[in-house]
C-alpha atoms as a PDB file:
ATOM      1  CA  MET A   1       1.913  12.502 -19.920  1.00  0.00           C
ATOM      2  CA  LEU A   2       0.568   9.563 -21.900  1.00  0.00           C
ATOM      3  CA  PHE A   3      -2.732   9.340 -20.022  1.00  0.00           C
ATOM      4  CA  ARG A   4      -3.625  12.996 -19.556  1.00  0.00           C
ATOM      5  CA  THR A   5      -5.982  15.159 -21.597  1.00  0.00           C
ATOM      6  CA  LEU A   6      -7.464  17.154 -18.774  1.00  0.00           C
ATOM      7  CA  ILE A   7      -7.082  20.805 -19.850  1.00  0.00           C
ATOM      8  CA  LYS A   8      -9.390  22.409 -22.381  1.00  0.00           C
ATOM      9  CA  TRP A   9      -7.729  25.401 -23.974  1.00  0.00           C
ATOM     10  CA  LEU A  10      -9.944  28.342 -24.667  1.00  0.00           C
ATOM     11  CA  ALA A  11      -7.939  30.050 -27.414  1.00  0.00           C
ATOM     12  CA  PRO A  12     -10.378  30.321 -30.328  1.00  0.00           C
ATOM     13  CA  LEU A  13      -9.364  28.673 -33.563  1.00  0.00           C
ATOM     14  CA  GLY A  14     -10.846  31.501 -35.563  1.00  0.00           C
ATOM     15  CA  LEU A  15     -11.240  35.074 -34.354  1.00  0.00           C
ATOM     16  CA  ALA A  16     -13.273  37.761 -36.094  1.00  0.00           C
ATOM     17  CA  LEU A  17     -10.866  40.258 -37.577  1.00  0.00           C
ATOM     18  CA  VAL A  18     -11.273  43.938 -36.860  1.00  0.00           C
ATOM     19  CA  VAL A  19     -11.323  45.831 -40.131  1.00  0.00           C
ATOM     20  CA  LEU A  20      -8.970  48.770 -39.970  1.00  0.00           C
ATOM     21  CA  SER A  21      -8.239  51.482 -42.472  1.00  0.00           C
ATOM     22  CA  GLY A  22      -5.174  51.110 -44.660  1.00  0.00           C
ATOM     23  CA  CYS A  23      -3.971  48.279 -46.853  1.00  0.00           C
ATOM     24  CA  ALA A  24      -1.307  46.788 -44.560  1.00  0.00           C
ATOM     25  CA  PRO A  25      -2.205  43.263 -43.368  1.00  0.00           C
ATOM     26  CA  GLN A  26      -3.280  43.177 -39.735  1.00  0.00           C
ATOM     27  CA  PRO A  27      -2.222  40.534 -37.202  1.00  0.00           C
ATOM     28  CA  LYS A  28      -4.579  37.585 -36.969  1.00  0.00           C
ATOM     29  CA  VAL A  29      -4.759  34.190 -35.306  1.00  0.00           C
ATOM     30  CA  GLN A  30      -3.756  31.208 -37.410  1.00  0.00           C
ATOM     31  CA  SER A  31      -4.124  27.591 -36.342  1.00  0.00           C
ATOM     32  CA  ILE A  32      -3.039  24.078 -37.247  1.00  0.00           C
ATOM     33  CA  SER A  33      -3.721  20.684 -35.681  1.00  0.00           C
ATOM     34  CA  GLY A  34      -2.577  17.113 -36.113  1.00  0.00           C
ATOM     35  CA  ARG A  35      -1.729  13.833 -34.424  1.00  0.00           C
ATOM     36  CA  THR A  36       1.356  12.848 -32.428  1.00  0.00           C
ATOM     37  CA  MET A  37       2.368  10.698 -29.433  1.00  0.00           C
ATOM     38  CA  GLY A  38      -0.905   8.794 -29.532  1.00  0.00           C
ATOM     39  CA  THR A  39      -2.920  11.989 -29.102  1.00  0.00           C
ATOM     40  CA  SER A  40      -3.680  15.270 -30.872  1.00  0.00           C
ATOM     41  CA  TYR A  41      -1.930  18.610 -31.035  1.00  0.00           C
ATOM     42  CA  HIS A  42      -3.320  22.113 -31.582  1.00  0.00           C
ATOM     43  CA  ILE A  43      -1.254  25.219 -32.252  1.00  0.00           C
ATOM     44  CA  SER A  44      -2.522  28.781 -32.536  1.00  0.00           C
ATOM     45  CA  TRP A  45      -0.313  31.789 -33.141  1.00  0.00           C
ATOM     46  CA  VAL A  46      -0.612  35.454 -33.988  1.00  0.00           C
ATOM     47  CA  SER A  47       0.758  36.178 -37.428  1.00  0.00           C
ATOM     48  CA  ALA A  48       2.787  39.281 -38.171  1.00  0.00           C
ATOM     49  CA  ALA A  49       2.545  41.506 -41.248  1.00  0.00           C
ATOM     50  CA  GLN A  50       3.929  38.599 -43.296  1.00  0.00           C
ATOM     51  CA  PRO A  51       1.789  35.641 -42.146  1.00  0.00           C
ATOM     52  CA  GLU A  52       3.438  32.264 -41.659  1.00  0.00           C
ATOM     53  CA  GLN A  53       2.227  29.743 -44.235  1.00  0.00           C
ATOM     54  CA  PRO A  54       0.288  27.153 -42.178  1.00  0.00           C
ATOM     55  CA  GLN A  55       1.236  24.247 -44.450  1.00  0.00           C
ATOM     56  CA  LEU A  56       4.950  25.015 -44.216  1.00  0.00           C
ATOM     57  CA  LEU A  57       4.791  25.474 -40.455  1.00  0.00           C
ATOM     58  CA  GLN A  58       2.858  22.239 -39.993  1.00  0.00           C
ATOM     59  CA  ALA A  59       5.435  20.340 -42.023  1.00  0.00           C
ATOM     60  CA  ALA A  60       8.190  21.692 -39.766  1.00  0.00           C
ATOM     61  CA  VAL A  61       6.187  20.858 -36.627  1.00  0.00           C
ATOM     62  CA  ASP A  62       5.447  17.319 -37.797  1.00  0.00           C
ATOM     63  CA  THR A  63       9.109  16.758 -38.656  1.00  0.00           C
ATOM     64  CA  ARG A  64      10.213  17.953 -35.214  1.00  0.00           C
ATOM     65  CA  LEU A  65       7.639  15.812 -33.401  1.00  0.00           C
ATOM     66  CA  GLU A  66       8.599  12.801 -35.498  1.00  0.00           C
ATOM     67  CA  GLN A  67      12.206  13.242 -34.324  1.00  0.00           C
ATOM     68  CA  ILE A  68      11.039  13.147 -30.706  1.00  0.00           C
ATOM     69  CA  ASN A  69       8.809  10.118 -31.293  1.00  0.00           C
ATOM     70  CA  ALA A  70      11.655   8.276 -33.011  1.00  0.00           C
ATOM     71  CA  SER A  71      13.747   8.964 -29.926  1.00  0.00           C
ATOM     72  CA  MET A  72      11.354   8.465 -26.995  1.00  0.00           C
ATOM     73  CA  SER A  73       8.301   6.399 -27.963  1.00  0.00           C
ATOM     74  CA  ASN A  74       7.986   3.164 -25.975  1.00  0.00           C
ATOM     75  CA  TRP A  75       5.361   2.061 -28.495  1.00  0.00           C
ATOM     76  CA  ARG A  76       7.851   1.924 -31.389  1.00  0.00           C
ATOM     77  CA  PRO A  77      10.119  -1.130 -31.463  1.00  0.00           C
ATOM     78  CA  ASP A  78      12.753   0.763 -33.481  1.00  0.00           C
ATOM     79  CA  SER A  79      12.817   3.923 -31.324  1.00  0.00           C
ATOM     80  CA  LEU A  80      15.961   4.939 -29.474  1.00  0.00           C
ATOM     81  CA  ILE A  81      14.327   4.277 -26.105  1.00  0.00           C
ATOM     82  CA  SER A  82      13.292   0.778 -27.225  1.00  0.00           C
ATOM     83  CA  GLN A  83      16.886   0.128 -28.258  1.00  0.00           C
ATOM     84  CA  PHE A  84      18.108   1.401 -24.892  1.00  0.00           C
ATOM     85  CA  ASN A  85      15.598  -0.736 -22.998  1.00  0.00           C
ATOM     86  CA  GLY A  86      16.735  -3.784 -24.956  1.00  0.00           C
ATOM     87  CA  HIS A  87      20.413  -3.015 -24.297  1.00  0.00           C
ATOM     88  CA  ARG A  88      21.385  -5.682 -21.760  1.00  0.00           C
ATOM     89  CA  PHE A  89      25.068  -4.863 -21.424  1.00  0.00           C
ATOM     90  CA  ASP A  90      27.072  -2.733 -19.008  1.00  0.00           C
ATOM     91  CA  THR A  91      28.636  -0.723 -21.845  1.00  0.00           C
ATOM     92  CA  PRO A  92      27.422   2.913 -22.293  1.00  0.00           C
ATOM     93  CA  MET A  93      25.039   3.800 -25.098  1.00  0.00           C
ATOM     94  CA  GLN A  94      25.059   7.105 -26.971  1.00  0.00           C
ATOM     95  CA  LEU A  95      21.715   8.944 -27.043  1.00  0.00           C
ATOM     96  CA  ASP A  96      20.586  12.050 -28.921  1.00  0.00           C
ATOM     97  CA  ASP A  97      20.344  15.560 -27.494  1.00  0.00           C
ATOM     98  CA  ASP A  98      16.555  15.358 -27.037  1.00  0.00           C
ATOM     99  CA  PHE A  99      16.816  12.175 -25.017  1.00  0.00           C
ATOM    100  CA  ILE A 100      19.638  13.543 -22.862  1.00  0.00           C
ATOM    101  CA  ALA A 101      17.722  16.757 -22.111  1.00  0.00           C
ATOM    102  CA  VAL A 102      14.751  14.732 -20.875  1.00  0.00           C
ATOM    103  CA  LEU A 103      16.958  12.417 -18.796  1.00  0.00           C
ATOM    104  CA  ARG A 104      18.715  15.326 -17.067  1.00  0.00           C
ATOM    105  CA  GLU A 105      15.443  17.012 -16.115  1.00  0.00           C
ATOM    106  CA  SER A 106      14.003  13.677 -14.996  1.00  0.00           C
ATOM    107  CA  GLN A 107      16.978  13.153 -12.694  1.00  0.00           C
ATOM    108  CA  ARG A 108      16.510  16.636 -11.234  1.00  0.00           C
ATOM    109  CA  LEU A 109      12.799  16.103 -10.621  1.00  0.00           C
ATOM    110  CA  TYR A 110      13.492  12.687  -9.094  1.00  0.00           C
ATOM    111  CA  ARG A 111      15.721  14.335  -6.507  1.00  0.00           C
ATOM    112  CA  LEU A 112      13.355  17.274  -5.970  1.00  0.00           C
ATOM    113  CA  THR A 113      10.337  15.018  -5.338  1.00  0.00           C
ATOM    114  CA  ASP A 114      12.183  12.429  -3.255  1.00  0.00           C
ATOM    115  CA  GLY A 115      11.589   9.705  -5.820  1.00  0.00           C
ATOM    116  CA  ALA A 116       7.913  10.376  -6.596  1.00  0.00           C
ATOM    117  CA  LEU A 117       8.857  10.858 -10.261  1.00  0.00           C
ATOM    118  CA  ASP A 118      10.877   7.890 -11.476  1.00  0.00           C
ATOM    119  CA  ILE A 119      11.206   7.200 -15.212  1.00  0.00           C
ATOM    120  CA  THR A 120      12.490   3.659 -14.498  1.00  0.00           C
ATOM    121  CA  VAL A 121       9.001   2.653 -13.306  1.00  0.00           C
ATOM    122  CA  SER A 122       8.168   0.893 -16.593  1.00  0.00           C
ATOM    123  CA  PRO A 123       8.167  -2.698 -15.173  1.00  0.00           C
ATOM    124  CA  LEU A 124       5.565  -1.628 -12.625  1.00  0.00           C
ATOM    125  CA  VAL A 125       3.455   0.195 -15.226  1.00  0.00           C
ATOM    126  CA  ASP A 126       3.474  -2.954 -17.370  1.00  0.00           C
ATOM    127  CA  LEU A 127       2.748  -5.195 -14.380  1.00  0.00           C
ATOM    128  CA  TRP A 128      -0.354  -3.197 -13.517  1.00  0.00           C
ATOM    129  CA  GLY A 129      -1.625  -3.343 -17.109  1.00  0.00           C
ATOM    130  CA  PHE A 130      -0.995   0.234 -18.250  1.00  0.00           C
ATOM    131  CA  GLY A 131       1.866  -0.439 -20.662  1.00  0.00           C
ATOM    132  CA  PRO A 132       2.024  -1.579 -24.296  1.00  0.00           C
ATOM    133  CA  GLU A 133       0.929  -5.132 -23.389  1.00  0.00           C
ATOM    134  CA  GLY A 134      -2.508  -3.901 -22.333  1.00  0.00           C
ATOM    135  CA  ARG A 135      -4.915  -4.199 -19.430  1.00  0.00           C
ATOM    136  CA  ILE A 136      -5.081  -6.814 -16.692  1.00  0.00           C
ATOM    137  CA  THR A 137      -8.145  -8.058 -14.820  1.00  0.00           C
ATOM    138  CA  HIS A 138      -6.574  -8.987 -11.475  1.00  0.00           C
ATOM    139  CA  ALA A 139      -4.176  -7.040  -9.260  1.00  0.00           C
ATOM    140  CA  PRO A 140      -0.644  -8.477  -9.178  1.00  0.00           C
ATOM    141  CA  THR A 141       0.646 -10.273  -6.105  1.00  0.00           C
ATOM    142  CA  ALA A 142       3.036  -8.762  -3.570  1.00  0.00           C
ATOM    143  CA  GLU A 143       5.719 -11.130  -4.844  1.00  0.00           C
ATOM    144  CA  SER A 144       5.347  -9.989  -8.455  1.00  0.00           C
ATOM    145  CA  ILE A 145       5.429  -6.340  -7.359  1.00  0.00           C
ATOM    146  CA  ALA A 146       8.648  -6.946  -5.420  1.00  0.00           C
ATOM    147  CA  GLU A 147      10.155  -8.684  -8.449  1.00  0.00           C
ATOM    148  CA  ALA A 148       9.243  -5.761 -10.729  1.00  0.00           C
ATOM    149  CA  ARG A 149      10.641  -3.211  -8.261  1.00  0.00           C
ATOM    150  CA  ALA A 150      13.965  -5.074  -8.304  1.00  0.00           C
ATOM    151  CA  HIS A 151      14.340  -3.931 -11.926  1.00  0.00           C
ATOM    152  CA  THR A 152      13.747  -0.213 -11.207  1.00  0.00           C
ATOM    153  CA  GLY A 153      15.726   2.625  -9.645  1.00  0.00           C
ATOM    154  CA  MET A 154      17.068   5.950 -10.924  1.00  0.00           C
ATOM    155  CA  HIS A 155      20.332   5.354  -9.061  1.00  0.00           C
ATOM    156  CA  HIS A 156      21.155   2.753 -11.730  1.00  0.00           C
ATOM    157  CA  LEU A 157      21.160   5.434 -14.464  1.00  0.00           C
ATOM    158  CA  HIS A 158      24.393   7.365 -15.109  1.00  0.00           C
ATOM    159  CA  LEU A 159      24.983  10.167 -17.633  1.00  0.00           C
ATOM    160  CA  ASP A 160      28.308  11.290 -19.090  1.00  0.00           C
ATOM    161  CA  GLY A 161      27.648  13.811 -21.832  1.00  0.00           C
ATOM    162  CA  ASN A 162      25.552  11.968 -24.412  1.00  0.00           C
ATOM    163  CA  LEU A 163      26.680   8.583 -23.124  1.00  0.00           C
ATOM    164  CA  VAL A 164      24.257   6.795 -20.804  1.00  0.00           C
ATOM    165  CA  HIS A 165      25.211   3.805 -18.687  1.00  0.00           C
ATOM    166  CA  LYS A 166      22.884   1.604 -16.673  1.00  0.00           C
ATOM    167  CA  SER A 167      24.486  -0.327 -13.857  1.00  0.00           C
ATOM    168  CA  LEU A 168      21.448  -2.634 -13.819  1.00  0.00           C
ATOM    169  CA  PRO A 169      21.301  -4.306 -17.271  1.00  0.00           C
ATOM    170  CA  THR A 170      17.544  -4.957 -17.029  1.00  0.00           C
ATOM    171  CA  LEU A 171      16.763  -1.284 -16.308  1.00  0.00           C
ATOM    172  CA  THR A 172      14.171   0.182 -18.688  1.00  0.00           C
ATOM    173  CA  LEU A 173      12.807   3.690 -19.146  1.00  0.00           C
ATOM    174  CA  ASN A 174       9.324   5.104 -19.667  1.00  0.00           C
ATOM    175  CA  LEU A 175       9.259   8.822 -20.473  1.00  0.00           C
ATOM    176  CA  SER A 176       5.470   9.196 -20.650  1.00  0.00           C
ATOM    177  CA  ALA A 177       5.519  11.560 -17.650  1.00  0.00           C
ATOM    178  CA  VAL A 178       7.709  14.105 -19.439  1.00  0.00           C
ATOM    179  CA  ALA A 179       7.884  13.364 -23.181  1.00  0.00           C
ATOM    180  CA  LYS A 180       4.679  15.160 -24.188  1.00  0.00           C
ATOM    181  CA  GLY A 181       5.755  18.205 -22.220  1.00  0.00           C
ATOM    182  CA  TYR A 182       9.123  18.097 -23.961  1.00  0.00           C
ATOM    183  CA  GLY A 183       7.308  17.933 -27.304  1.00  0.00           C
ATOM    184  CA  VAL A 184       5.368  21.075 -26.389  1.00  0.00           C
ATOM    185  CA  ASP A 185       8.609  22.849 -25.506  1.00  0.00           C
ATOM    186  CA  ALA A 186      10.242  21.745 -28.752  1.00  0.00           C
ATOM    187  CA  VAL A 187       7.355  23.099 -30.831  1.00  0.00           C
ATOM    188  CA  ALA A 188       7.307  26.369 -28.864  1.00  0.00           C
ATOM    189  CA  ASP A 189      11.049  26.759 -29.450  1.00  0.00           C
ATOM    190  CA  LEU A 190      10.503  26.105 -33.158  1.00  0.00           C
ATOM    191  CA  LEU A 191       7.875  28.865 -33.319  1.00  0.00           C
ATOM    192  CA  GLU A 192      10.127  31.338 -31.540  1.00  0.00           C
ATOM    193  CA  ALA A 193      13.005  30.484 -33.883  1.00  0.00           C
ATOM    194  CA  ARG A 194      10.693  31.503 -36.744  1.00  0.00           C
ATOM    195  CA  GLY A 195       9.962  34.861 -35.124  1.00  0.00           C
ATOM    196  CA  ILE A 196       6.542  33.930 -33.697  1.00  0.00           C
ATOM    197  CA  ASP A 197       6.304  35.465 -30.241  1.00  0.00           C
ATOM    198  CA  SER A 198       2.609  35.006 -29.462  1.00  0.00           C
ATOM    199  CA  TYR A 199       1.289  31.456 -29.477  1.00  0.00           C
ATOM    200  CA  LEU A 200      -0.515  28.618 -27.737  1.00  0.00           C
ATOM    201  CA  VAL A 201       0.878  25.098 -28.166  1.00  0.00           C
ATOM    202  CA  GLU A 202      -1.063  22.089 -26.857  1.00  0.00           C
ATOM    203  CA  ILE A 203      -0.260  18.375 -27.077  1.00  0.00           C
ATOM    204  CA  GLY A 204      -2.664  16.019 -25.335  1.00  0.00           C
ATOM    205  CA  GLY A 205      -3.607  18.622 -22.722  1.00  0.00           C
ATOM    206  CA  GLU A 206      -0.086  19.911 -21.960  1.00  0.00           C
ATOM    207  CA  LEU A 207       0.437  23.524 -22.984  1.00  0.00           C
ATOM    208  CA  ARG A 208       2.882  26.359 -23.354  1.00  0.00           C
ATOM    209  CA  LEU A 209       1.747  29.915 -24.002  1.00  0.00           C
ATOM    210  CA  ARG A 210       3.340  33.232 -24.809  1.00  0.00           C
ATOM    211  CA  GLY A 211       2.285  36.753 -25.752  1.00  0.00           C
ATOM    212  CA  ARG A 212      -1.167  38.127 -26.444  1.00  0.00           C
ATOM    213  CA  LYS A 213      -3.975  37.764 -28.956  1.00  0.00           C
ATOM    214  CA  PRO A 214      -4.579  40.503 -31.562  1.00  0.00           C
ATOM    215  CA  ASP A 215      -7.054  42.282 -29.260  1.00  0.00           C
ATOM    216  CA  GLY A 216      -4.339  42.645 -26.610  1.00  0.00           C
ATOM    217  CA  ARG A 217      -5.780  40.086 -24.220  1.00  0.00           C
ATOM    218  CA  ARG A 218      -3.721  37.175 -22.900  1.00  0.00           C
ATOM    219  CA  TRP A 219      -4.503  33.593 -23.800  1.00  0.00           C
ATOM    220  CA  ARG A 220      -6.853  31.902 -21.339  1.00  0.00           C
ATOM    221  CA  ILE A 221      -7.362  28.232 -20.597  1.00  0.00           C
ATOM    222  CA  ALA A 222      -9.948  26.278 -18.623  1.00  0.00           C
ATOM    223  CA  ILE A 223      -8.979  23.609 -16.118  1.00  0.00           C
ATOM    224  CA  GLU A 224     -11.442  20.753 -16.256  1.00  0.00           C
ATOM    225  CA  GLN A 225     -13.446  19.547 -13.282  1.00  0.00           C
ATOM    226  CA  PRO A 226     -12.501  15.875 -12.668  1.00  0.00           C
ATOM    227  CA  ASP A 227     -15.997  14.542 -13.280  1.00  0.00           C
ATOM    228  CA  ASP A 228     -16.599  11.067 -14.720  1.00  0.00           C
ATOM    229  CA  GLU A 229     -19.964  12.176 -16.102  1.00  0.00           C
ATOM    230  CA  GLY A 230     -18.984  15.273 -18.037  1.00  0.00           C
ATOM    231  CA  ARG A 231     -16.448  17.997 -18.788  1.00  0.00           C
ATOM    232  CA  SER A 232     -17.337  21.010 -16.682  1.00  0.00           C
ATOM    233  CA  VAL A 233     -14.905  23.852 -15.971  1.00  0.00           C
ATOM    234  CA  ALA A 234     -13.315  24.031 -12.526  1.00  0.00           C
ATOM    235  CA  GLN A 235     -11.217  27.153 -13.046  1.00  0.00           C
ATOM    236  CA  ILE A 236     -10.115  29.643 -15.703  1.00  0.00           C
ATOM    237  CA  ILE A 237      -6.555  30.929 -15.621  1.00  0.00           C
ATOM    238  CA  GLU A 238      -4.308  33.308 -17.554  1.00  0.00           C
ATOM    239  CA  PRO A 239      -0.891  31.625 -17.500  1.00  0.00           C
ATOM    240  CA  GLY A 240       0.937  34.458 -19.283  1.00  0.00           C
ATOM    241  CA  ASN A 241       4.297  33.279 -20.634  1.00  0.00           C
ATOM    242  CA  MET A 242       4.163  29.913 -18.882  1.00  0.00           C
ATOM    243  CA  ALA A 243       3.523  26.219 -19.499  1.00  0.00           C
ATOM    244  CA  VAL A 244       0.631  24.293 -17.943  1.00  0.00           C
ATOM    245  CA  ALA A 245       0.265  20.570 -17.247  1.00  0.00           C
ATOM    246  CA  THR A 246      -2.455  18.599 -15.509  1.00  0.00           C
ATOM    247  CA  SER A 247      -2.385  15.058 -14.150  1.00  0.00           C
ATOM    248  CA  GLY A 248      -5.334  13.016 -12.908  1.00  0.00           C
ATOM    249  CA  ASP A 249      -6.421   9.435 -12.332  1.00  0.00           C
ATOM    250  CA  TYR A 250     -10.161   9.581 -12.827  1.00  0.00           C
ATOM    251  CA  ARG A 251     -10.334   8.310 -16.415  1.00  0.00           C
ATOM    252  CA  ASN A 252      -7.587   5.691 -16.639  1.00  0.00           C
ATOM    253  CA  PHE A 253      -8.007   2.811 -14.202  1.00  0.00           C
ATOM    254  CA  PHE A 254      -9.298  -0.712 -13.781  1.00  0.00           C
ATOM    255  CA  GLU A 255     -11.563  -2.140 -11.110  1.00  0.00           C
ATOM    256  CA  GLU A 256     -11.533  -5.436  -9.265  1.00  0.00           C
ATOM    257  CA  GLU A 257     -14.243  -6.376  -6.753  1.00  0.00           C
ATOM    258  CA  GLY A 258     -15.272  -2.735  -6.399  1.00  0.00           C
ATOM    259  CA  GLU A 259     -11.717  -1.434  -5.829  1.00  0.00           C
ATOM    260  CA  ARG A 260     -10.357   1.096  -8.314  1.00  0.00           C
ATOM    261  CA  PHE A 261      -6.693   0.885  -9.319  1.00  0.00           C
ATOM    262  CA  SER A 262      -5.234   4.084 -10.782  1.00  0.00           C
ATOM    263  CA  HIS A 263      -2.796   4.165 -13.700  1.00  0.00           C
ATOM    264  CA  LEU A 264      -0.548   6.390 -11.588  1.00  0.00           C
ATOM    265  CA  ILE A 265       1.988   4.127  -9.891  1.00  0.00           C
ATOM    266  CA  ASP A 266       3.918   5.185  -6.814  1.00  0.00           C
ATOM    267  CA  PRO A 267       7.474   4.041  -7.633  1.00  0.00           C
ATOM    268  CA  ARG A 268       8.294   4.034  -3.920  1.00  0.00           C
ATOM    269  CA  THR A 269       5.712   1.331  -3.157  1.00  0.00           C
ATOM    270  CA  GLY A 270       5.165  -0.296  -6.533  1.00  0.00           C
ATOM    271  CA  ALA A 271       1.388   0.096  -6.241  1.00  0.00           C
ATOM    272  CA  PRO A 272      -1.186   2.537  -7.667  1.00  0.00           C
ATOM    273  CA  ILE A 273      -1.732   5.721  -5.679  1.00  0.00           C
ATOM    274  CA  THR A 274      -4.407   5.668  -2.967  1.00  0.00           C
ATOM    275  CA  ASN A 275      -4.651   9.364  -2.055  1.00  0.00           C
ATOM    276  CA  ARG A 276      -7.781  11.387  -2.814  1.00  0.00           C
ATOM    277  CA  LEU A 277      -6.191  13.741  -5.334  1.00  0.00           C
ATOM    278  CA  ALA A 278      -8.315  13.760  -8.478  1.00  0.00           C
ATOM    279  CA  SER A 279      -6.391  16.396 -10.431  1.00  0.00           C
ATOM    280  CA  VAL A 280      -3.146  18.346 -10.171  1.00  0.00           C
ATOM    281  CA  THR A 281      -2.304  21.382 -12.319  1.00  0.00           C
ATOM    282  CA  VAL A 282       1.206  22.865 -12.375  1.00  0.00           C
ATOM    283  CA  LEU A 283       2.555  26.018 -14.040  1.00  0.00           C
ATOM    284  CA  ALA A 284       6.235  26.309 -14.950  1.00  0.00           C
ATOM    285  CA  PRO A 285       8.379  28.000 -17.619  1.00  0.00           C
ATOM    286  CA  SER A 286       8.920  24.586 -19.244  1.00  0.00           C
ATOM    287  CA  SER A 287       6.110  22.223 -20.198  1.00  0.00           C
ATOM    288  CA  MET A 288       8.425  19.272 -19.567  1.00  0.00           C
ATOM    289  CA  THR A 289       8.949  20.455 -15.995  1.00  0.00           C
ATOM    290  CA  ALA A 290       5.252  21.101 -15.431  1.00  0.00           C
ATOM    291  CA  ASP A 291       4.448  17.684 -16.928  1.00  0.00           C
ATOM    292  CA  GLY A 292       6.806  15.817 -14.626  1.00  0.00           C
ATOM    293  CA  LEU A 293       5.804  17.748 -11.520  1.00  0.00           C
ATOM    294  CA  ALA A 294       2.094  17.179 -12.150  1.00  0.00           C
ATOM    295  CA  THR A 295       2.724  13.422 -12.141  1.00  0.00           C
ATOM    296  CA  ALA A 296       4.946  13.585  -9.071  1.00  0.00           C
ATOM    297  CA  PHE A 297       2.449  15.664  -7.086  1.00  0.00           C
ATOM    298  CA  SER A 298      -0.346  13.230  -7.966  1.00  0.00           C
ATOM    299  CA  VAL A 299       1.785  10.505  -6.399  1.00  0.00           C
ATOM    300  CA  MET A 300       2.814  12.568  -3.359  1.00  0.00           C
ATOM    301  CA  GLY A 301      -0.683  13.642  -2.283  1.00  0.00           C
ATOM    302  CA  SER A 302      -2.005  17.023  -1.176  1.00  0.00           C
ATOM    303  CA  GLU A 303      -0.021  17.873   1.932  1.00  0.00           C
ATOM    304  CA  ALA A 304       3.413  16.867   0.638  1.00  0.00           C
ATOM    305  CA  SER A 305       2.706  18.541  -2.714  1.00  0.00           C
ATOM    306  CA  LEU A 306       1.634  21.849  -1.180  1.00  0.00           C
ATOM    307  CA  ALA A 307       4.604  21.809   1.178  1.00  0.00           C
ATOM    308  CA  LEU A 308       7.041  21.384  -1.717  1.00  0.00           C
ATOM    309  CA  ALA A 309       5.155  23.936  -3.821  1.00  0.00           C
ATOM    310  CA  GLU A 310       5.457  26.544  -1.058  1.00  0.00           C
ATOM    311  CA  GLN A 311       9.119  25.698  -0.507  1.00  0.00           C
ATOM    312  CA  GLU A 312       9.950  26.083  -4.207  1.00  0.00           C
ATOM    313  CA  SER A 313       7.388  28.866  -5.014  1.00  0.00           C
ATOM    314  CA  LEU A 314       5.645  26.618  -7.540  1.00  0.00           C
ATOM    315  CA  PRO A 315       2.173  27.529  -8.895  1.00  0.00           C
ATOM    316  CA  VAL A 316       0.053  24.441  -8.140  1.00  0.00           C
ATOM    317  CA  MET A 317      -3.697  23.760  -8.094  1.00  0.00           C
ATOM    318  CA  LEU A 318      -5.040  20.583  -6.463  1.00  0.00           C
ATOM    319  CA  ILE A 319      -8.558  19.144  -6.722  1.00  0.00           C
ATOM    320  CA  GLU A 320      -9.418  16.596  -4.036  1.00  0.00           C
ATOM    321  CA  LYS A 321     -12.392  14.246  -4.080  1.00  0.00           C
ATOM    322  CA  GLY A 322     -14.285  13.920  -0.802  1.00  0.00           C
ATOM    323  CA  LEU A 323     -15.949  10.837   0.634  1.00  0.00           C
ATOM    324  CA  GLU A 324     -19.374  11.980  -0.591  1.00  0.00           C
ATOM    325  CA  GLY A 325     -18.152  12.700  -4.137  1.00  0.00           C
ATOM    326  CA  GLU A 326     -17.756  16.441  -3.659  1.00  0.00           C
ATOM    327  CA  PHE A 327     -14.624  18.289  -4.791  1.00  0.00           C
ATOM    328  CA  ALA A 328     -12.390  20.671  -2.861  1.00  0.00           C
ATOM    329  CA  VAL A 329      -9.874  22.958  -4.599  1.00  0.00           C
ATOM    330  CA  ARG A 330      -6.590  24.012  -2.995  1.00  0.00           C
ATOM    331  CA  TYR A 331      -3.923  26.373  -4.345  1.00  0.00           C
ATOM    332  CA  SER A 332      -0.317  27.150  -3.557  1.00  0.00           C
ATOM    333  CA  SER A 333       0.448  30.810  -2.878  1.00  0.00           C
ATOM    334  CA  ALA A 334       2.195  31.150  -6.245  1.00  0.00           C
ATOM    335  CA  PHE A 335      -0.898  29.967  -8.161  1.00  0.00           C
ATOM    336  CA  THR A 336      -3.395  32.626  -7.067  1.00  0.00           C
ATOM    337  CA  PRO A 337      -2.102  35.457  -9.358  1.00  0.00           C
ATOM    338  CA  TYR A 338      -3.150  33.399 -12.393  1.00  0.00           C
ATOM    339  CA  LEU A 339      -6.798  32.897 -11.355  1.00  0.00           C
ATOM    340  CA  GLN A 340      -9.645  34.480 -13.297  1.00  0.00           C
ATOM    341  CA  GLU A 341     -13.359  34.650 -12.566  1.00  0.00           C
ATOM    342  CA  LEU A 342     -15.348  31.859 -14.228  1.00  0.00           C
ATOM    343  CA  SER A 343     -17.936  34.393 -15.389  1.00  0.00           C
ATOM    344  CA  GLN A 344     -15.398  36.493 -17.295  1.00  0.00           C
END
């Protein structure tokens, strides 16, 4: 998600190596970092006997992420998504495999969450001042919200192979709820294709992990406490071979006359969310899936989110903010096996 950097990963960038007898190189942790999608990325992996050259791997990673940006960045006027959004005809448009993969999963999550995740919400995001045109100082009127909603709706989007047709010519897409997660998955797939089977990939707080560190322990991450004043740890987890995404509204908002308006828009109402969820963390095999679900659950609120999580056996952690500023943490049944003691 474009506005989320809520998870602090705990995988060390440099681990002390254990000196063993013999001349064969021992596995070690290697790391690279860079910029993409308006945020940063960090990748750590355990090298084998023949270590991967970091410069060569980073070049491959940057090339792959550039492909995704060229396809799905709303901030680039020449990107494929910008071309699609500017396409005002009822003729189909051919999109690349990356774009199609994200659209298919977005359609599935739209149905699963009863419309809480809707990638056609871009007119509402822009209206509320969280799009490329920048912030607003006054909340939009009911009339302007209704007008923006008239240009949204996943039912206007139709896929036929790599051809995409929109039955509403003014329909536009915003993939910020899933694109970063897809980028994480693409990088993880690239690592695995190169024979790297133990890694941690993070882009803007969304992660995917696999394998173990050289000492045999699994990767651990810390989930941040949603605190405006600092960055304390709410929970430590061991995701195993899973992806992790967190969504929250406590850092991206605007205020008018003491009322806070979140950047998370409920596509079913056209207005920012009003529930008391401060943070949602989701585990899934795919970072794209976890990314989209974290956004959808933030929109749905605690009770509906936990009900769906139990129905689908989804590992979900919710942090709610009380009236007095205190926080309460709730978990789905599938999340508890991943919990670790904070003192460990």
